[in-house]
Amino acid sequence: MPRGKIIVEHTIDDKVTISVEGVKGKSCKDLTADLEKALGTVKNSTPTKEFYEKPLKAQQKVGQS
């Protein structure tokens, strides 16, 4: 699972904002899904530039001796 930072802000007028930093691609939605469900209906969702970036995939090279 991707690692990143989830930032939750709650204002005096009862608005809650959830932001994700350090996660590329659509996997940020996986990180916040349970939290969004617990808080209620999502009224607005604005992707960051990281949302549109491709996640890095680990590669391993195996050589022959």
Protein backbone atom coordinates (compact mmCIF):
# COMPACT_ATOMS: atom_id res chain seq x y z
CA MET A 1 0.00 0.00 0.00
CA PRO A 2 1.29 3.48 -0.79
CA ARG A 3 2.66 5.59 2.03
CA GLY A 4 1.79 9.22 2.32
CA LYS A 5 0.35 11.83 4.61
CA ILE A 6 -3.38 12.32 5.16
CA ILE A 7 -4.34 15.79 6.35
CA VAL A 8 -7.78 16.34 7.87
CA GLU A 9 -9.02 19.87 8.53
CA HIS A 10 -12.25 20.64 10.39
CA THR A 11 -13.51 24.22 10.35
CA ILE A 12 -15.76 26.06 12.77
CA ASP A 13 -18.64 25.84 10.27
CA ASP A 14 -18.39 22.01 10.25
CA LYS A 15 -16.65 21.63 6.90
CA VAL A 16 -14.13 18.80 6.72
CA THR A 17 -11.33 18.74 4.17
CA ILE A 18 -9.20 15.66 3.54
CA SER A 19 -5.93 16.04 1.61
CA VAL A 20 -3.32 13.45 0.68
CA GLU A 21 0.35 14.27 0.13
CA GLY A 22 3.11 12.04 -1.14
CA VAL A 23 0.97 9.53 -3.05
CA LYS A 24 0.92 9.50 -6.84
CA GLY A 25 -1.96 8.27 -8.95
CA LYS A 26 -5.43 7.17 -7.98
CA SER A 27 -4.30 5.15 -4.96
CA CYS A 28 -4.87 8.24 -2.79
CA LYS A 29 -8.59 7.47 -3.06
CA ASP A 30 -7.93 4.04 -1.52
CA LEU A 31 -6.20 5.70 1.44
CA THR A 32 -9.13 8.00 2.20
CA ALA A 33 -12.08 5.75 1.30
CA ASP A 34 -12.81 4.48 4.83
CA LEU A 35 -12.39 7.95 6.32
CA GLU A 36 -14.73 9.50 3.75
CA LYS A 37 -17.30 6.78 4.40
CA ALA A 38 -17.15 7.38 8.16
CA LEU A 39 -17.54 11.15 7.77
CA GLY A 40 -20.53 11.03 5.42
CA THR A 41 -21.33 12.32 1.95
CA VAL A 42 -18.51 13.76 -0.16
CA LYS A 43 -19.72 17.07 -1.58
CA ASN A 44 -16.62 17.97 -3.60
CA SER A 45 -13.44 16.24 -4.72
CA THR A 46 -10.54 18.13 -6.28
CA PRO A 47 -7.55 16.06 -7.42
CA THR A 48 -4.04 17.41 -6.85
CA LYS A 49 -1.32 17.30 -9.50
CA GLU A 50 0.00 14.11 -7.84
CA PHE A 51 -3.29 12.41 -8.71
CA TYR A 52 -2.39 12.66 -12.39
CA GLU A 53 1.18 11.36 -11.97
CA LYS A 54 1.99 7.71 -12.54
CA PRO A 55 3.03 5.78 -9.43
CA LEU A 56 6.56 4.44 -9.39
CA LYS A 57 6.91 0.69 -9.68
CA ALA A 58 9.80 -1.19 -8.16
CA GLN A 59 11.94 -3.04 -10.66
CA GLN A 60 14.44 -5.77 -10.01
CA LYS A 61 17.04 -6.93 -12.49
CA VAL A 62 18.36 -10.46 -12.28
CA GLY A 63 21.62 -11.17 -14.06
CA GLN A 64 23.14 -14.45 -15.16
CA SER A 65 26.54 -15.50 -13.90
